[in-house]
Amino acid sequence: VSLRAEGTIAVLCPVASDTLAGVAIMTVPS
């Protein structure tokens, strides 16, 4: 959430899954 607030994460998507917590699209190199 703090990375999202500072702009490092552009999109943060929690996922309702037993095997995947979420997806984050970041604004920095891999």
Full PDB file with SEQRES, HELIX, SHEET, SSBOND, CRYST1, ORIGX, SCALE, CONECT and MASTER records, all heavy atoms in Angstrom:
SEQRES   1 A   30  VAL SER LEU ARG ALA GLU GLY THR ILE ALA VAL LEU CYS          
SEQRES   2 A   30  PRO VAL ALA SER ASP THR LEU ALA GLY VAL ALA ILE MET          
SEQRES   3 A   30  THR VAL PRO SER                                              
HELIX    1 AA1 SER A    2  GLU A    6  1                                   5    
SHEET    1 AA1 2 ILE A   9  PRO A  14  0                                        
SHEET    2 AA1 2 GLY A  22  MET A  26 -1                                        
CRYST1    1.000    1.000    1.000  90.00  90.00  90.00 P 1           1          
ORIGX1      1.000000  0.000000  0.000000        0.00000                         
ORIGX2      0.000000  1.000000  0.000000        0.00000                         
ORIGX3      0.000000  0.000000  1.000000        0.00000                         
SCALE1      1.000000  0.000000  0.000000        0.00000                         
SCALE2      0.000000  1.000000  0.000000        0.00000                         
SCALE3      0.000000  0.000000  1.000000        0.00000                         
ATOM      1  N   VAL A   1       0.831  -1.198   0.000  1.00  0.00           N  
ATOM      2  CA  VAL A   1       0.000   0.000   0.000  1.00  0.00           C  
ATOM      3  C   VAL A   1       0.873   1.259   0.000  1.00  0.00           C  
ATOM      4  O   VAL A   1       0.588   2.213  -0.720  1.00  0.00           O  
ATOM      5  CB  VAL A   1      -0.980  -0.009   1.198  1.00  0.00           C  
ATOM      6  CG1 VAL A   1      -1.751   1.293   1.293  1.00  0.00           C  
ATOM      7  CG2 VAL A   1      -1.942  -1.185   1.083  1.00  0.00           C  
ATOM      8  N   SER A   2       1.975   1.257   0.758  1.00  0.00           N  
ATOM      9  CA  SER A   2       2.851   2.428   0.771  1.00  0.00           C  
ATOM     10  C   SER A   2       3.555   2.595  -0.575  1.00  0.00           C  
ATOM     11  O   SER A   2       3.749   3.721  -1.043  1.00  0.00           O  
ATOM     12  CB  SER A   2       3.849   2.354   1.920  1.00  0.00           C  
ATOM     13  OG  SER A   2       4.701   1.244   1.776  1.00  0.00           O  
ATOM     14  N   LEU A   3       3.948   1.494  -1.209  1.00  0.00           N  
ATOM     15  CA  LEU A   3       4.554   1.580  -2.540  1.00  0.00           C  
ATOM     16  C   LEU A   3       3.552   2.132  -3.544  1.00  0.00           C  
ATOM     17  O   LEU A   3       3.912   2.875  -4.452  1.00  0.00           O  
ATOM     18  CB  LEU A   3       5.062   0.209  -2.992  1.00  0.00           C  
ATOM     19  CG  LEU A   3       6.274  -0.341  -2.245  1.00  0.00           C  
ATOM     20  CD1 LEU A   3       6.538  -1.784  -2.662  1.00  0.00           C  
ATOM     21  CD2 LEU A   3       7.502   0.514  -2.482  1.00  0.00           C  
ATOM     22  N   ARG A   4       2.302   1.797  -3.390  1.00  0.00           N  
ATOM     23  CA  ARG A   4       1.240   2.337  -4.250  1.00  0.00           C  
ATOM     24  C   ARG A   4       1.082   3.826  -4.004  1.00  0.00           C  
ATOM     25  O   ARG A   4       1.003   4.624  -4.932  1.00  0.00           O  
ATOM     26  CB  ARG A   4      -0.076   1.584  -3.991  1.00  0.00           C  
ATOM     27  CG  ARG A   4      -1.296   2.176  -4.675  1.00  0.00           C  
ATOM     28  CD  ARG A   4      -1.219   2.019  -6.191  1.00  0.00           C  
ATOM     29  NE  ARG A   4      -2.374   2.619  -6.824  1.00  0.00           N  
ATOM     30  CZ  ARG A   4      -2.377   3.839  -7.361  1.00  0.00           C  
ATOM     31  NH1 ARG A   4      -1.302   4.574  -7.356  1.00  0.00           N  
ATOM     32  NH2 ARG A   4      -3.469   4.317  -7.918  1.00  0.00           N  
ATOM     33  N   ALA A   5       1.079   4.225  -2.741  1.00  0.00           N  
ATOM     34  CA  ALA A   5       0.894   5.632  -2.394  1.00  0.00           C  
ATOM     35  C   ALA A   5       2.032   6.503  -2.921  1.00  0.00           C  
ATOM     36  O   ALA A   5       1.801   7.638  -3.333  1.00  0.00           O  
ATOM     37  CB  ALA A   5       0.759   5.789  -0.887  1.00  0.00           C  
ATOM     38  N   GLU A   6       3.255   5.986  -2.937  1.00  0.00           N  
ATOM     39  CA  GLU A   6       4.403   6.774  -3.412  1.00  0.00           C  
ATOM     40  C   GLU A   6       4.595   6.702  -4.931  1.00  0.00           C  
ATOM     41  O   GLU A   6       5.467   7.356  -5.474  1.00  0.00           O  
ATOM     42  CB  GLU A   6       5.676   6.372  -2.695  1.00  0.00           C  
ATOM     43  CG  GLU A   6       6.202   5.005  -3.055  1.00  0.00           C  
ATOM     44  CD  GLU A   6       7.392   4.567  -2.216  1.00  0.00           C  
ATOM     45  OE1 GLU A   6       7.483   4.975  -1.052  1.00  0.00           O  
ATOM     46  OE2 GLU A   6       8.208   3.788  -2.744  1.00  0.00           O  
ATOM     47  N   GLY A   7       3.806   5.869  -5.615  1.00  0.00           N  
ATOM     48  CA  GLY A   7       3.865   5.807  -7.065  1.00  0.00           C  
ATOM     49  C   GLY A   7       4.755   4.725  -7.643  1.00  0.00           C  
ATOM     50  O   GLY A   7       4.850   4.599  -8.857  1.00  0.00           O  
ATOM     51  N   THR A   8       5.415   3.932  -6.797  1.00  0.00           N  
ATOM     52  CA  THR A   8       6.245   2.838  -7.296  1.00  0.00           C  
ATOM     53  C   THR A   8       5.377   1.738  -7.896  1.00  0.00           C  
ATOM     54  O   THR A   8       5.766   1.097  -8.861  1.00  0.00           O  
ATOM     55  CB  THR A   8       7.125   2.264  -6.167  1.00  0.00           C  
ATOM     56  OG1 THR A   8       7.935   3.331  -5.656  1.00  0.00           O  
ATOM     57  CG2 THR A   8       8.019   1.158  -6.655  1.00  0.00           C  
ATOM     58  N   ILE A   9       4.213   1.537  -7.312  1.00  0.00           N  
ATOM     59  CA  ILE A   9       3.228   0.606  -7.872  1.00  0.00           C  
ATOM     60  C   ILE A   9       2.124   1.450  -8.509  1.00  0.00           C  
ATOM     61  O   ILE A   9       1.494   2.260  -7.838  1.00  0.00           O  
ATOM     62  CB  ILE A   9       2.645  -0.328  -6.798  1.00  0.00           C  
ATOM     63  CG1 ILE A   9       3.722  -1.276  -6.281  1.00  0.00           C  
ATOM     64  CG2 ILE A   9       1.463  -1.110  -7.350  1.00  0.00           C  
ATOM     65  CD1 ILE A   9       3.262  -2.194  -5.156  1.00  0.00           C  
ATOM     66  N   ALA A  10       1.921   1.255  -9.805  1.00  0.00           N  
ATOM     67  CA  ALA A  10       0.878   1.998 -10.522  1.00  0.00           C  
ATOM     68  C   ALA A  10      -0.492   1.355 -10.346  1.00  0.00           C  
ATOM     69  O   ALA A  10      -1.498   2.042 -10.229  1.00  0.00           O  
ATOM     70  CB  ALA A  10       1.224   2.086 -12.007  1.00  0.00           C  
ATOM     71  N   VAL A  11      -0.527   0.031 -10.347  1.00  0.00           N  
ATOM     72  CA  VAL A  11      -1.778  -0.712 -10.211  1.00  0.00           C  
ATOM     73  C   VAL A  11      -1.526  -1.857  -9.232  1.00  0.00           C  
ATOM     74  O   VAL A  11      -0.569  -2.618  -9.399  1.00  0.00           O  
ATOM     75  CB  VAL A  11      -2.249  -1.280 -11.573  1.00  0.00           C  
ATOM     76  CG1 VAL A  11      -3.530  -2.077 -11.409  1.00  0.00           C  
ATOM     77  CG2 VAL A  11      -2.439  -0.166 -12.584  1.00  0.00           C  
ATOM     78  N   LEU A  12      -2.366  -1.980  -8.236  1.00  0.00           N  
ATOM     79  CA  LEU A  12      -2.260  -3.047  -7.236  1.00  0.00           C  
ATOM     80  C   LEU A  12      -3.579  -3.800  -7.209  1.00  0.00           C  
ATOM     81  O   LEU A  12      -4.631  -3.224  -6.927  1.00  0.00           O  
ATOM     82  CB  LEU A  12      -1.949  -2.459  -5.861  1.00  0.00           C  
ATOM     83  CG  LEU A  12      -1.762  -3.424  -4.707  1.00  0.00           C  
ATOM     84  CD1 LEU A  12      -0.623  -4.402  -4.994  1.00  0.00           C  
ATOM     85  CD2 LEU A  12      -1.493  -2.665  -3.423  1.00  0.00           C  
ATOM     86  N   CYS A  13      -3.533  -5.074  -7.557  1.00  0.00           N  
ATOM     87  CA  CYS A  13      -4.751  -5.883  -7.675  1.00  0.00           C  
ATOM     88  C   CYS A  13      -4.666  -7.109  -6.781  1.00  0.00           C  
ATOM     89  O   CYS A  13      -4.032  -8.104  -7.152  1.00  0.00           O  
ATOM     90  CB  CYS A  13      -4.949  -6.346  -9.115  1.00  0.00           C  
ATOM     91  SG  CYS A  13      -5.115  -5.036 -10.312  1.00  0.00           S  
ATOM     92  N   PRO A  14      -5.282  -7.083  -5.591  1.00  0.00           N  
ATOM     93  CA  PRO A  14      -5.394  -8.313  -4.817  1.00  0.00           C  
ATOM     94  C   PRO A  14      -6.209  -9.331  -5.609  1.00  0.00           C  
ATOM     95  O   PRO A  14      -7.126  -8.969  -6.355  1.00  0.00           O  
ATOM     96  CB  PRO A  14      -6.135  -7.878  -3.554  1.00  0.00           C  
ATOM     97  CG  PRO A  14      -5.911  -6.398  -3.471  1.00  0.00           C  
ATOM     98  CD  PRO A  14      -5.853  -5.928  -4.896  1.00  0.00           C  
ATOM     99  N   VAL A  15      -5.873 -10.604  -5.463  1.00  0.00           N  
ATOM    100  CA  VAL A  15      -6.534 -11.667  -6.219  1.00  0.00           C  
ATOM    101  C   VAL A  15      -7.154 -12.654  -5.243  1.00  0.00           C  
ATOM    102  O   VAL A  15      -6.503 -13.082  -4.294  1.00  0.00           O  
ATOM    103  CB  VAL A  15      -5.516 -12.389  -7.143  1.00  0.00           C  
ATOM    104  CG1 VAL A  15      -6.156 -13.558  -7.853  1.00  0.00           C  
ATOM    105  CG2 VAL A  15      -4.923 -11.423  -8.146  1.00  0.00           C  
ATOM    106  N   ALA A  16      -8.411 -13.005  -5.458  1.00  0.00           N  
ATOM    107  CA  ALA A  16      -9.099 -13.988  -4.625  1.00  0.00           C  
ATOM    108  C   ALA A  16      -8.719 -15.379  -5.110  1.00  0.00           C  
ATOM    109  O   ALA A  16      -9.358 -15.943  -5.994  1.00  0.00           O  
ATOM    110  CB  ALA A  16     -10.603 -13.776  -4.685  1.00  0.00           C  
ATOM    111  N   SER A  17      -7.649 -15.920  -4.548  1.00  0.00           N  
ATOM    112  CA  SER A  17      -7.124 -17.208  -4.991  1.00  0.00           C  
ATOM    113  C   SER A  17      -6.387 -17.872  -3.838  1.00  0.00           C  
ATOM    114  O   SER A  17      -5.834 -17.192  -2.977  1.00  0.00           O  
ATOM    115  CB  SER A  17      -6.161 -16.988  -6.171  1.00  0.00           C  
ATOM    116  OG  SER A  17      -5.413 -18.142  -6.444  1.00  0.00           O  
ATOM    117  N   ASP A  18      -6.346 -19.176  -3.844  1.00  0.00           N  
ATOM    118  CA  ASP A  18      -5.577 -19.898  -2.840  1.00  0.00           C  
ATOM    119  C   ASP A  18      -4.095 -19.941  -3.181  1.00  0.00           C  
ATOM    120  O   ASP A  18      -3.277 -20.269  -2.328  1.00  0.00           O  
ATOM    121  CB  ASP A  18      -6.096 -21.332  -2.697  1.00  0.00           C  
ATOM    122  CG  ASP A  18      -7.481 -21.388  -2.088  1.00  0.00           C  
ATOM    123  OD1 ASP A  18      -7.851 -20.442  -1.352  1.00  0.00           O  
ATOM    124  OD2 ASP A  18      -8.199 -22.370  -2.343  1.00  0.00           O  
ATOM    125  N   THR A  19      -3.745 -19.628  -4.420  1.00  0.00           N  
ATOM    126  CA  THR A  19      -2.356 -19.754  -4.847  1.00  0.00           C  
ATOM    127  C   THR A  19      -1.706 -18.438  -5.256  1.00  0.00           C  
ATOM    128  O   THR A  19      -0.490 -18.391  -5.427  1.00  0.00           O  
ATOM    129  CB  THR A  19      -2.247 -20.730  -6.036  1.00  0.00           C  
ATOM    130  OG1 THR A  19      -3.069 -20.253  -7.095  1.00  0.00           O  
ATOM    131  CG2 THR A  19      -2.685 -22.124  -5.629  1.00  0.00           C  
ATOM    132  N   LEU A  20      -2.480 -17.377  -5.417  1.00  0.00           N  
ATOM    133  CA  LEU A  20      -1.947 -16.096  -5.862  1.00  0.00           C  
ATOM    134  C   LEU A  20      -2.527 -14.989  -4.999  1.00  0.00           C  
ATOM    135  O   LEU A  20      -3.742 -14.875  -4.866  1.00  0.00           O  
ATOM    136  CB  LEU A  20      -2.319 -15.862  -7.336  1.00  0.00           C  
ATOM    137  CG  LEU A  20      -1.822 -14.599  -7.994  1.00  0.00           C  
ATOM    138  CD1 LEU A  20      -0.303 -14.621  -8.144  1.00  0.00           C  
ATOM    139  CD2 LEU A  20      -2.470 -14.442  -9.366  1.00  0.00           C  
ATOM    140  N   ALA A  21      -1.638 -14.170  -4.389  1.00  0.00           N  
ATOM    141  CA  ALA A  21      -2.109 -13.094  -3.512  1.00  0.00           C  
ATOM    142  C   ALA A  21      -2.524 -11.856  -4.291  1.00  0.00           C  
ATOM    143  O   ALA A  21      -3.450 -11.155  -3.908  1.00  0.00           O  
ATOM    144  CB  ALA A  21      -1.026 -12.729  -2.502  1.00  0.00           C  
ATOM    145  N   GLY A  22      -1.806 -11.590  -5.382  1.00  0.00           N  
ATOM    146  CA  GLY A  22      -2.154 -10.406  -6.142  1.00  0.00           C  
ATOM    147  C   GLY A  22      -1.166 -10.131  -7.251  1.00  0.00           C  
ATOM    148  O   GLY A  22      -0.194 -10.850  -7.446  1.00  0.00           O  
ATOM    149  N   VAL A  23      -1.444  -9.040  -7.960  1.00  0.00           N  
ATOM    150  CA  VAL A  23      -0.610  -8.590  -9.067  1.00  0.00           C  
ATOM    151  C   VAL A  23      -0.330  -7.107  -8.840  1.00  0.00           C  
ATOM    152  O   VAL A  23      -1.247  -6.343  -8.533  1.00  0.00           O  
ATOM    153  CB  VAL A  23      -1.328  -8.784 -10.420  1.00  0.00           C  
ATOM    154  CG1 VAL A  23      -0.518  -8.178 -11.552  1.00  0.00           C  
ATOM    155  CG2 VAL A  23      -1.611 -10.257 -10.670  1.00  0.00           C  
ATOM    156  N   ALA A  24       0.930  -6.732  -8.990  1.00  0.00           N  
ATOM    157  CA  ALA A  24       1.318  -5.327  -8.875  1.00  0.00           C  
ATOM    158  C   ALA A  24       2.041  -4.925 -10.153  1.00  0.00           C  
ATOM    159  O   ALA A  24       2.963  -5.608 -10.590  1.00  0.00           O  
ATOM    160  CB  ALA A  24       2.225  -5.114  -7.679  1.00  0.00           C  
ATOM    161  N   ILE A  25       1.595  -3.845 -10.764  1.00  0.00           N  
ATOM    162  CA  ILE A  25       2.287  -3.291 -11.921  1.00  0.00           C  
ATOM    163  C   ILE A  25       3.105  -2.116 -11.410  1.00  0.00           C  
ATOM    164  O   ILE A  25       2.554  -1.146 -10.884  1.00  0.00           O  
ATOM    165  CB  ILE A  25       1.292  -2.854 -13.015  1.00  0.00           C  
ATOM    166  CG1 ILE A  25       0.508  -4.086 -13.497  1.00  0.00           C  
ATOM    167  CG2 ILE A  25       2.029  -2.176 -14.159  1.00  0.00           C  
ATOM    168  CD1 ILE A  25      -0.570  -3.782 -14.489  1.00  0.00           C  
ATOM    169  N   MET A  26       4.437  -2.264 -11.530  1.00  0.00           N  
ATOM    170  CA  MET A  26       5.343  -1.274 -10.962  1.00  0.00           C  
ATOM    171  C   MET A  26       5.863  -0.330 -12.043  1.00  0.00           C  
ATOM    172  O   MET A  26       5.865  -0.667 -13.229  1.00  0.00           O  
ATOM    173  CB  MET A  26       6.489  -1.980 -10.248  1.00  0.00           C  
ATOM    174  CG  MET A  26       6.001  -2.897  -9.128  1.00  0.00           C  
ATOM    175  SD  MET A  26       7.331  -3.752  -8.284  1.00  0.00           S  
ATOM    176  CE  MET A  26       7.423  -2.760  -6.799  1.00  0.00           C  
ATOM    177  N   THR A  27       6.306   0.829 -11.610  1.00  0.00           N  
ATOM    178  CA  THR A  27       6.779   1.880 -12.515  1.00  0.00           C  
ATOM    179  C   THR A  27       8.300   1.931 -12.588  1.00  0.00           C  
ATOM    180  O   THR A  27       8.858   2.929 -13.040  1.00  0.00           O  
ATOM    181  CB  THR A  27       6.254   3.250 -12.048  1.00  0.00           C  
ATOM    182  OG1 THR A  27       6.751   3.511 -10.731  1.00  0.00           O  
ATOM    183  CG2 THR A  27       4.740   3.283 -12.058  1.00  0.00           C  
ATOM    184  N   VAL A  28       8.964   0.879 -12.167  1.00  0.00           N  
ATOM    185  CA  VAL A  28      10.430   0.833 -12.125  1.00  0.00           C  
ATOM    186  C   VAL A  28      10.915  -0.324 -12.999  1.00  0.00           C  
ATOM    187  O   VAL A  28      10.146  -1.242 -13.308  1.00  0.00           O  
ATOM    188  CB  VAL A  28      10.936   0.681 -10.681  1.00  0.00           C  
ATOM    189  CG1 VAL A  28      10.534   1.880  -9.836  1.00  0.00           C  
ATOM    190  CG2 VAL A  28      10.411  -0.600 -10.033  1.00  0.00           C  
ATOM    191  N   PRO A  29      12.186  -0.319 -13.391  1.00  0.00           N  
ATOM    192  CA  PRO A  29      12.725  -1.441 -14.167  1.00  0.00           C  
ATOM    193  C   PRO A  29      12.610  -2.764 -13.392  1.00  0.00           C  
ATOM    194  O   PRO A  29      12.560  -2.771 -12.155  1.00  0.00           O  
ATOM    195  CB  PRO A  29      14.197  -1.062 -14.376  1.00  0.00           C  
ATOM    196  CG  PRO A  29      14.254   0.414 -14.186  1.00  0.00           C  
ATOM    197  CD  PRO A  29      13.174   0.744 -13.191  1.00  0.00           C  
ATOM    198  N   SER A  30      12.568  -3.874 -14.119  1.00  0.00           N  
ATOM    199  CA  SER A  30      12.348  -5.181 -13.492  1.00  0.00           C  
ATOM    200  C   SER A  30      13.402  -5.504 -12.440  1.00  0.00           C  
ATOM    201  O   SER A  30      13.082  -6.106 -11.411  1.00  0.00           O  
ATOM    202  CB  SER A  30      12.261  -6.285 -14.545  1.00  0.00           C  
ATOM    203  OG  SER A  30      13.419  -6.316 -15.336  1.00  0.00           O  
TER     204      SER A  30                                                      
MASTER        0    0    0    1    2    0    0    6  203    1    0    3          
END                                                                             
